Amino acid sequence: MAFLDTLFAKKKPALKAQCPITKESIDAGYGYMLTTAEVISSKKYWDMVMTEPETMSYTVSHFKNQSSGTHMRTIIFEKYSSMEKPWMVSDSCMNLFEESVDMKEARTRAQKWWESQGNFTPEQSGSANEVLDSSTFKNWKDYAVLEAGRSRVIL
């Protein structure tokens, strides 16, 4: 009977991670774990987000002083800044955060996440407006909504 229990026992699925930025799979033991506050505190990240093919039309509209573009950029900022869970980020996009994140600490957090089978949550996790002071949050919101991508737009 023990043999049949072993044979038909439900197997726990292997822990997997996917980078929310690049959508690439992250192999066990790799990656960097960032908090939402760390992610939204990067000019390079916002310049990339606001000039992706899906968002470029909003950016162009914004810089042509069309309120609809600014409104959509605000919605995009709110979507990303309100993420509660930490971000498991792939090696290929860490260049976006090298100026604003302690890379060694982010790698250590990822290791702890893998070792805990996905149960580790770093301090300062949660939406950015709950973690950052209001002045810092406003500064990053202003950059993301009002300035990000300016250098990549030709009017």
N, C-alpha and C. Protein backbone atom coordinates (compact mmCIF):
# COMPACT_ATOMS: atom_id res chain seq x y z
N MET A 1 0.82 -1.20 0.00
CA MET A 1 0.00 0.00 0.00
C MET A 1 0.86 1.27 0.00
N ALA A 2 1.95 1.24 0.73
CA ALA A 2 2.85 2.40 0.77
C ALA A 2 3.39 2.71 -0.62
N PHE A 3 3.62 1.64 -1.40
CA PHE A 3 4.10 1.84 -2.77
C PHE A 3 3.08 2.62 -3.59
N LEU A 4 1.79 2.27 -3.48
CA LEU A 4 0.76 2.97 -4.24
C LEU A 4 0.61 4.41 -3.76
N ASP A 5 0.73 4.64 -2.46
CA ASP A 5 0.67 6.02 -1.94
C ASP A 5 1.79 6.86 -2.53
N THR A 6 2.97 6.28 -2.60
CA THR A 6 4.11 6.98 -3.17
C THR A 6 3.90 7.23 -4.66
N LEU A 7 3.38 6.24 -5.33
CA LEU A 7 3.17 6.33 -6.77
C LEU A 7 2.15 7.39 -7.15
N PHE A 8 1.07 7.48 -6.38
CA PHE A 8 -0.01 8.41 -6.71
C PHE A 8 -0.02 9.69 -5.88
N ALA A 9 0.98 9.88 -5.06
CA ALA A 9 1.05 11.09 -4.23
C ALA A 9 1.24 12.31 -5.14
N LYS A 10 0.60 13.37 -4.75
CA LYS A 10 0.75 14.60 -5.52
C LYS A 10 2.13 15.18 -5.28
N LYS A 11 2.78 15.49 -6.36
CA LYS A 11 4.11 16.08 -6.26
C LYS A 11 3.97 17.59 -6.18
N LYS A 12 4.79 18.16 -5.35
CA LYS A 12 4.81 19.61 -5.23
C LYS A 12 5.47 20.18 -6.49
N PRO A 13 4.82 21.13 -7.14
CA PRO A 13 5.43 21.69 -8.35
C PRO A 13 6.74 22.41 -8.01
N ALA A 14 7.67 22.33 -8.93
CA ALA A 14 8.96 22.99 -8.73
C ALA A 14 8.75 24.50 -8.68
N LEU A 15 9.49 25.13 -7.80
CA LEU A 15 9.41 26.58 -7.66
C LEU A 15 9.97 27.23 -8.92
N LYS A 16 9.22 28.17 -9.46
CA LYS A 16 9.64 28.88 -10.67
C LYS A 16 9.55 30.38 -10.44
N ALA A 17 10.34 31.10 -11.17
CA ALA A 17 10.28 32.56 -11.12
C ALA A 17 10.35 33.10 -12.54
N GLN A 18 9.67 34.22 -12.73
CA GLN A 18 9.67 34.89 -14.03
C GLN A 18 9.88 36.37 -13.79
N CYS A 19 10.80 36.94 -14.53
CA CYS A 19 11.06 38.37 -14.40
C CYS A 19 9.84 39.15 -14.88
N PRO A 20 9.30 40.03 -14.04
CA PRO A 20 8.12 40.80 -14.46
C PRO A 20 8.44 41.86 -15.52
N ILE A 21 9.70 42.13 -15.73
CA ILE A 21 10.09 43.15 -16.70
C ILE A 21 10.33 42.53 -18.07
N THR A 22 11.14 41.48 -18.13
CA THR A 22 11.48 40.85 -19.41
C THR A 22 10.64 39.64 -19.74
N LYS A 23 9.92 39.11 -18.74
CA LYS A 23 9.10 37.91 -18.86
C LYS A 23 9.93 36.64 -19.06
N GLU A 24 11.25 36.72 -18.91
CA GLU A 24 12.07 35.53 -19.05
C GLU A 24 12.07 34.72 -17.77
N SER A 25 12.20 33.40 -17.91
CA SER A 25 12.26 32.53 -16.75
C SER A 25 13.59 32.74 -16.03
N ILE A 26 13.54 32.60 -14.72
CA ILE A 26 14.74 32.72 -13.91
C ILE A 26 15.01 31.36 -13.29
N ASP A 27 16.19 30.83 -13.55
CA ASP A 27 16.55 29.52 -13.02
C ASP A 27 16.72 29.58 -11.51
N ALA A 28 16.44 28.45 -10.86
CA ALA A 28 16.57 28.35 -9.41
C ALA A 28 17.96 28.79 -8.97
N GLY A 29 17.99 29.63 -7.95
CA GLY A 29 19.25 30.11 -7.41
C GLY A 29 19.76 31.39 -8.04
N TYR A 30 19.10 31.86 -9.07
CA TYR A 30 19.54 33.07 -9.77
C TYR A 30 18.55 34.21 -9.56
N GLY A 31 18.86 35.35 -10.12
CA GLY A 31 17.99 36.51 -10.06
C GLY A 31 18.33 37.45 -8.92
N TYR A 32 17.59 38.53 -8.88
CA TYR A 32 17.73 39.56 -7.85
C TYR A 32 16.34 39.88 -7.34
N MET A 33 16.19 40.04 -6.04
CA MET A 33 14.89 40.38 -5.49
C MET A 33 14.90 41.86 -5.08
N LEU A 34 13.97 42.61 -5.69
CA LEU A 34 13.85 44.04 -5.42
C LEU A 34 12.48 44.32 -4.82
N THR A 35 12.42 45.36 -4.03
CA THR A 35 11.12 45.82 -3.54
C THR A 35 10.54 46.77 -4.57
N THR A 36 9.25 47.01 -4.48
CA THR A 36 8.61 47.95 -5.40
C THR A 36 9.21 49.34 -5.24
N ALA A 37 9.52 49.74 -4.02
CA ALA A 37 10.14 51.05 -3.80
C ALA A 37 11.46 51.16 -4.54
N GLU A 38 12.25 50.08 -4.55
CA GLU A 38 13.53 50.10 -5.27
C GLU A 38 13.30 50.18 -6.77
N VAL A 39 12.33 49.45 -7.26
CA VAL A 39 12.06 49.44 -8.70
C VAL A 39 11.65 50.82 -9.19
N ILE A 40 10.72 51.45 -8.48
CA ILE A 40 10.21 52.73 -8.98
C ILE A 40 11.18 53.89 -8.73
N SER A 41 12.27 53.61 -8.01
CA SER A 41 13.27 54.65 -7.73
C SER A 41 14.42 54.61 -8.73
N SER A 42 14.11 54.31 -9.96
CA SER A 42 15.13 54.22 -11.01
C SER A 42 14.69 55.00 -12.24
N LYS A 43 15.47 56.01 -12.59
CA LYS A 43 15.17 56.77 -13.80
C LYS A 43 15.28 55.89 -15.04
N LYS A 44 16.29 55.02 -15.08
CA LYS A 44 16.45 54.14 -16.25
C LYS A 44 15.23 53.24 -16.43
N TYR A 45 14.68 52.76 -15.32
CA TYR A 45 13.50 51.91 -15.40
C TYR A 45 12.34 52.70 -16.01
N TRP A 46 12.09 53.90 -15.51
CA TRP A 46 10.96 54.69 -16.03
C TRP A 46 11.18 55.12 -17.47
N ASP A 47 12.42 55.45 -17.84
CA ASP A 47 12.69 55.79 -19.23
C ASP A 47 12.37 54.60 -20.15
N MET A 48 12.70 53.39 -19.68
CA MET A 48 12.40 52.19 -20.47
C MET A 48 10.90 51.96 -20.54
N VAL A 49 10.21 52.00 -19.40
CA VAL A 49 8.77 51.72 -19.37
C VAL A 49 8.00 52.70 -20.24
N MET A 50 8.31 53.97 -20.14
CA MET A 50 7.53 54.99 -20.84
C MET A 50 7.87 55.12 -22.32
N THR A 51 8.87 54.35 -22.78
CA THR A 51 9.21 54.40 -24.20
C THR A 51 9.11 53.03 -24.86
N GLU A 52 8.47 52.08 -24.19
CA GLU A 52 8.20 50.78 -24.81
C GLU A 52 7.18 50.99 -25.93
N PRO A 53 7.13 50.08 -26.89
CA PRO A 53 6.16 50.25 -27.98
C PRO A 53 4.72 50.43 -27.49
N GLU A 54 4.37 49.74 -26.39
CA GLU A 54 2.99 49.82 -25.88
C GLU A 54 2.67 51.17 -25.24
N THR A 55 3.69 51.91 -24.81
CA THR A 55 3.45 53.16 -24.08
C THR A 55 3.96 54.40 -24.81
N MET A 56 4.69 54.22 -25.88
CA MET A 56 5.30 55.37 -26.56
C MET A 56 4.28 56.39 -27.04
N SER A 57 3.12 55.93 -27.48
CA SER A 57 2.12 56.89 -27.97
C SER A 57 1.64 57.81 -26.84
N TYR A 58 1.55 57.27 -25.62
CA TYR A 58 1.16 58.10 -24.47
C TYR A 58 2.26 59.11 -24.16
N THR A 59 3.50 58.68 -24.30
CA THR A 59 4.62 59.56 -24.02
C THR A 59 4.67 60.70 -25.03
N VAL A 60 4.49 60.38 -26.30
CA VAL A 60 4.47 61.42 -27.33
C VAL A 60 3.31 62.38 -27.06
N SER A 61 2.14 61.85 -26.77
CA SER A 61 0.98 62.71 -26.47
C SER A 61 1.26 63.61 -25.28
N HIS A 62 1.87 63.05 -24.24
CA HIS A 62 2.19 63.84 -23.05
C HIS A 62 3.09 65.03 -23.41
N PHE A 63 4.15 64.76 -24.17
CA PHE A 63 5.08 65.83 -24.51
C PHE A 63 4.53 66.79 -25.56
N LYS A 64 3.39 66.46 -26.15
CA LYS A 64 2.68 67.39 -27.03
C LYS A 64 1.58 68.11 -26.25
N ASN A 65 1.68 68.02 -24.92
CA ASN A 65 0.74 68.70 -24.01
C ASN A 65 -0.70 68.23 -24.16
N GLN A 66 -0.86 66.94 -24.44
CA GLN A 66 -2.21 66.36 -24.50
C GLN A 66 -2.48 65.65 -23.18
N SER A 67 -3.53 66.07 -22.50
CA SER A 67 -3.80 65.53 -21.16
C SER A 67 -4.06 64.03 -21.15
N SER A 68 -4.55 63.48 -22.25
CA SER A 68 -4.81 62.04 -22.28
C SER A 68 -3.53 61.24 -22.12
N GLY A 69 -2.43 61.71 -22.70
CA GLY A 69 -1.14 61.03 -22.56
C GLY A 69 -0.64 61.09 -21.13
N THR A 70 -0.78 62.25 -20.50
CA THR A 70 -0.36 62.41 -19.11
C THR A 70 -1.21 61.54 -18.20
N HIS A 71 -2.50 61.48 -18.47
CA HIS A 71 -3.39 60.64 -17.67
C HIS A 71 -2.98 59.16 -17.75
N MET A 72 -2.68 58.68 -18.94
CA MET A 72 -2.28 57.28 -19.10
C MET A 72 -0.94 57.00 -18.43
N ARG A 73 -0.02 57.94 -18.48
CA ARG A 73 1.28 57.76 -17.81
C ARG A 73 1.07 57.71 -16.29
N THR A 74 0.12 58.46 -15.78
CA THR A 74 -0.20 58.41 -14.35
C THR A 74 -0.74 57.03 -13.98
N ILE A 75 -1.60 56.49 -14.81
CA ILE A 75 -2.15 55.15 -14.57
C ILE A 75 -1.04 54.10 -14.59
N ILE A 76 -0.12 54.23 -15.52
CA ILE A 76 1.01 53.29 -15.61
C ILE A 76 1.85 53.38 -14.34
N PHE A 77 2.14 54.59 -13.89
CA PHE A 77 2.91 54.75 -12.65
C PHE A 77 2.18 54.09 -11.48
N GLU A 78 0.90 54.35 -11.36
CA GLU A 78 0.13 53.80 -10.25
C GLU A 78 0.09 52.28 -10.29
N LYS A 79 0.02 51.71 -11.48
CA LYS A 79 0.02 50.25 -11.62
C LYS A 79 1.30 49.66 -11.04
N TYR A 80 2.44 50.18 -11.46
CA TYR A 80 3.71 49.61 -11.00
C TYR A 80 4.04 49.98 -9.56
N SER A 81 3.73 51.18 -9.15
CA SER A 81 4.11 51.61 -7.79
C SER A 81 3.24 50.97 -6.72
N SER A 82 2.12 50.40 -7.09
CA SER A 82 1.23 49.79 -6.10
C SER A 82 1.44 48.29 -5.93
N MET A 83 2.42 47.72 -6.61
CA MET A 83 2.68 46.28 -6.49
C MET A 83 3.08 45.94 -5.06
N GLU A 84 2.38 45.00 -4.47
CA GLU A 84 2.62 44.61 -3.07
C GLU A 84 3.78 43.62 -2.93
N LYS A 85 3.89 42.72 -3.88
CA LYS A 85 4.91 41.67 -3.78
C LYS A 85 6.25 42.16 -4.30
N PRO A 86 7.33 41.59 -3.75
CA PRO A 86 8.66 41.95 -4.28
C PRO A 86 8.83 41.42 -5.70
N TRP A 87 9.78 41.97 -6.39
CA TRP A 87 10.04 41.64 -7.79
C TRP A 87 11.26 40.74 -7.89
N MET A 88 11.13 39.57 -8.51
CA MET A 88 12.27 38.71 -8.80
C MET A 88 12.73 39.08 -10.20
N VAL A 89 13.86 39.76 -10.29
CA VAL A 89 14.31 40.36 -11.53
C VAL A 89 15.49 39.56 -12.11
N SER A 90 15.49 39.41 -13.42
CA SER A 90 16.56 38.66 -14.10
C SER A 90 17.83 39.48 -14.19
N ASP A 91 18.93 38.77 -14.38
CA ASP A 91 20.24 39.42 -14.51
C ASP A 91 20.26 40.41 -15.68
N SER A 92 19.54 40.08 -16.75
CA SER A 92 19.62 40.88 -17.97
C SER A 92 19.05 42.29 -17.85
N CYS A 93 18.27 42.57 -16.82
CA CYS A 93 17.74 43.93 -16.71
C CYS A 93 18.20 44.65 -15.44
N MET A 94 19.16 44.08 -14.73
CA MET A 94 19.64 44.74 -13.51
C MET A 94 20.40 46.03 -13.81
N ASN A 95 20.82 46.22 -15.06
CA ASN A 95 21.48 47.48 -15.41
C ASN A 95 20.54 48.68 -15.21
N LEU A 96 19.25 48.43 -15.21
CA LEU A 96 18.28 49.51 -14.97
C LEU A 96 18.32 50.01 -13.52
N PHE A 97 18.86 49.18 -12.64
CA PHE A 97 18.81 49.49 -11.21
C PHE A 97 20.17 49.63 -10.56
N GLU A 98 21.25 49.55 -11.32
CA GLU A 98 22.58 49.54 -10.73
C GLU A 98 22.92 50.80 -9.95
N GLU A 99 22.27 51.91 -10.26
CA GLU A 99 22.54 53.16 -9.55
C GLU A 99 21.70 53.29 -8.28
N SER A 100 20.61 52.54 -8.18
CA SER A 100 19.69 52.74 -7.06
C SER A 100 19.53 51.54 -6.13
N VAL A 101 20.18 50.42 -6.45
CA VAL A 101 19.98 49.20 -5.66
C VAL A 101 21.32 48.62 -5.25
N ASP A 102 21.39 48.11 -4.04
CA ASP A 102 22.55 47.36 -3.56
C ASP A 102 22.46 45.97 -4.20
N MET A 103 23.26 45.73 -5.21
CA MET A 103 23.19 44.50 -5.99
C MET A 103 23.45 43.26 -5.13
N LYS A 104 24.40 43.37 -4.25
CA LYS A 104 24.74 42.23 -3.39
C LYS A 104 23.56 41.88 -2.48
N GLU A 105 22.93 42.89 -1.91
CA GLU A 105 21.77 42.68 -1.04
C GLU A 105 20.61 42.09 -1.84
N ALA A 106 20.38 42.58 -3.04
CA ALA A 106 19.29 42.07 -3.88
C ALA A 106 19.52 40.61 -4.25
N ARG A 107 20.77 40.24 -4.49
CA ARG A 107 21.11 38.84 -4.81
C ARG A 107 20.90 37.95 -3.57
N THR A 108 21.31 38.46 -2.40
CA THR A 108 21.12 37.72 -1.15
C THR A 108 19.64 37.47 -0.89
N ARG A 109 18.81 38.49 -1.11
CA ARG A 109 17.36 38.33 -0.92
C ARG A 109 16.80 37.26 -1.86
N ALA A 110 17.28 37.25 -3.10
CA ALA A 110 16.82 36.24 -4.06
C ALA A 110 17.20 34.84 -3.56
N GLN A 111 18.42 34.70 -3.06
CA GLN A 111 18.86 33.40 -2.54
C GLN A 111 17.96 32.95 -1.38
N LYS A 112 17.63 33.88 -0.50
CA LYS A 112 16.75 33.55 0.63
C LYS A 112 15.37 33.14 0.13
N TRP A 113 14.90 33.77 -0.91
CA TRP A 113 13.60 33.43 -1.49
C TRP A 113 13.63 32.01 -2.04
N TRP A 114 14.69 31.67 -2.79
CA TRP A 114 14.80 30.32 -3.34
C TRP A 114 14.90 29.29 -2.21
N GLU A 115 15.74 29.58 -1.21
CA GLU A 115 15.95 28.64 -0.10
C GLU A 115 14.67 28.41 0.71
N SER A 116 13.81 29.40 0.78
CA SER A 116 12.57 29.29 1.55
C SER A 116 11.40 28.80 0.70
N GLN A 117 11.70 28.33 -0.49
CA GLN A 117 10.67 27.86 -1.42
C GLN A 117 9.64 28.96 -1.75
N GLY A 118 10.12 30.19 -1.85
CA GLY A 118 9.26 31.31 -2.24
C GLY A 118 8.54 31.98 -1.10
N ASN A 119 8.89 31.64 0.12
CA ASN A 119 8.19 32.21 1.28
C ASN A 119 8.88 33.41 1.89
N PHE A 120 10.06 33.78 1.40
CA PHE A 120 10.78 34.93 1.96
C PHE A 120 10.24 36.24 1.37
N THR A 121 10.02 37.20 2.24
CA THR A 121 9.62 38.54 1.82
C THR A 121 10.56 39.53 2.48
N PRO A 122 11.25 40.35 1.69
CA PRO A 122 12.20 41.29 2.29
C PRO A 122 11.49 42.42 3.04
N GLU A 123 12.25 43.02 3.95
CA GLU A 123 11.74 44.21 4.63
C GLU A 123 11.50 45.28 3.57
N GLN A 124 10.65 46.20 3.87
CA GLN A 124 10.31 47.29 2.95
C GLN A 124 9.52 46.82 1.73
N SER A 125 8.93 45.62 1.81
CA SER A 125 8.05 45.16 0.73
C SER A 125 6.71 45.87 0.86
N GLY A 126 5.97 45.88 -0.21
CA GLY A 126 4.68 46.53 -0.23
C GLY A 126 4.67 47.62 -1.27
N SER A 127 3.55 48.27 -1.41
CA SER A 127 3.44 49.33 -2.41
C SER A 127 4.38 50.48 -2.03
N ALA A 128 4.89 51.14 -3.05
CA ALA A 128 5.90 52.18 -2.83
C ALA A 128 5.36 53.35 -2.01
N ASN A 129 4.09 53.69 -2.16
CA ASN A 129 3.56 54.83 -1.40
C ASN A 129 3.43 54.51 0.08
N GLU A 130 3.44 53.23 0.45
CA GLU A 130 3.43 52.84 1.85
C GLU A 130 4.83 52.76 2.44
N VAL A 131 5.82 52.56 1.59
CA VAL A 131 7.20 52.35 2.04
C VAL A 131 8.02 53.65 2.01
N LEU A 132 7.88 54.40 0.93
CA LEU A 132 8.65 55.64 0.78
C LEU A 132 7.96 56.79 1.52
N ASP A 133 8.75 57.75 1.95
CA ASP A 133 8.13 58.94 2.53
C ASP A 133 7.42 59.70 1.41
N SER A 134 6.46 60.51 1.76
CA SER A 134 5.60 61.14 0.75
C SER A 134 6.37 62.03 -0.22
N SER A 135 7.40 62.71 0.25
CA SER A 135 8.19 63.57 -0.62
C SER A 135 8.96 62.75 -1.67
N THR A 136 9.58 61.68 -1.23
CA THR A 136 10.33 60.82 -2.15
C THR A 136 9.39 60.18 -3.16
N PHE A 137 8.26 59.68 -2.68
CA PHE A 137 7.28 59.07 -3.58
C PHE A 137 6.82 60.08 -4.62
N LYS A 138 6.52 61.30 -4.22
CA LYS A 138 6.07 62.35 -5.14
C LYS A 138 7.15 62.67 -6.17
N ASN A 139 8.40 62.74 -5.72
CA ASN A 139 9.50 63.02 -6.66
C ASN A 139 9.59 61.96 -7.75
N TRP A 140 9.47 60.68 -7.36
CA TRP A 140 9.53 59.61 -8.36
C TRP A 140 8.30 59.59 -9.24
N LYS A 141 7.15 59.90 -8.67
CA LYS A 141 5.93 59.97 -9.48
C LYS A 141 6.06 61.10 -10.50
N ASP A 142 6.54 62.25 -10.05
CA ASP A 142 6.72 63.38 -10.97
C ASP A 142 7.69 63.02 -12.09
N TYR A 143 8.79 62.35 -11.76
CA TYR A 143 9.73 61.97 -12.81
C TYR A 143 9.07 61.01 -13.80
N ALA A 144 8.45 59.97 -13.28
CA ALA A 144 7.85 58.95 -14.14
C ALA A 144 6.77 59.53 -15.04
N VAL A 145 5.90 60.35 -14.47
CA VAL A 145 4.75 60.87 -15.23
C VAL A 145 5.14 62.05 -16.11
N LEU A 146 5.96 62.95 -15.59
CA LEU A 146 6.22 64.21 -16.30
C LEU A 146 7.50 64.24 -17.14
N GLU A 147 8.51 63.43 -16.79
CA GLU A 147 9.81 63.56 -17.46
C GLU A 147 10.31 62.31 -18.18
N ALA A 148 9.96 61.12 -17.71
CA ALA A 148 10.53 59.89 -18.24
C ALA A 148 10.35 59.79 -19.76
N GLY A 149 11.44 59.46 -20.43
CA GLY A 149 11.41 59.27 -21.87
C GLY A 149 11.57 60.52 -22.69
N ARG A 150 11.70 61.68 -22.07
CA ARG A 150 11.79 62.94 -22.82
C ARG A 150 12.90 62.91 -23.86
N SER A 151 14.06 62.35 -23.50
CA SER A 151 15.20 62.36 -24.42
C SER A 151 15.01 61.44 -25.63
N ARG A 152 14.02 60.55 -25.56
CA ARG A 152 13.79 59.61 -26.66
C ARG A 152 12.64 60.02 -27.58
N VAL A 153 12.04 61.16 -27.30
CA VAL A 153 10.89 61.61 -28.08
C VAL A 153 11.32 62.74 -29.00
N ILE A 154 10.98 62.59 -30.27
CA ILE A 154 11.24 63.64 -31.25
C ILE A 154 9.88 64.23 -31.61
N LEU A 155 9.72 65.51 -31.33
CA LEU A 155 8.42 66.16 -31.62
C LEU A 155 8.44 66.89 -32.94
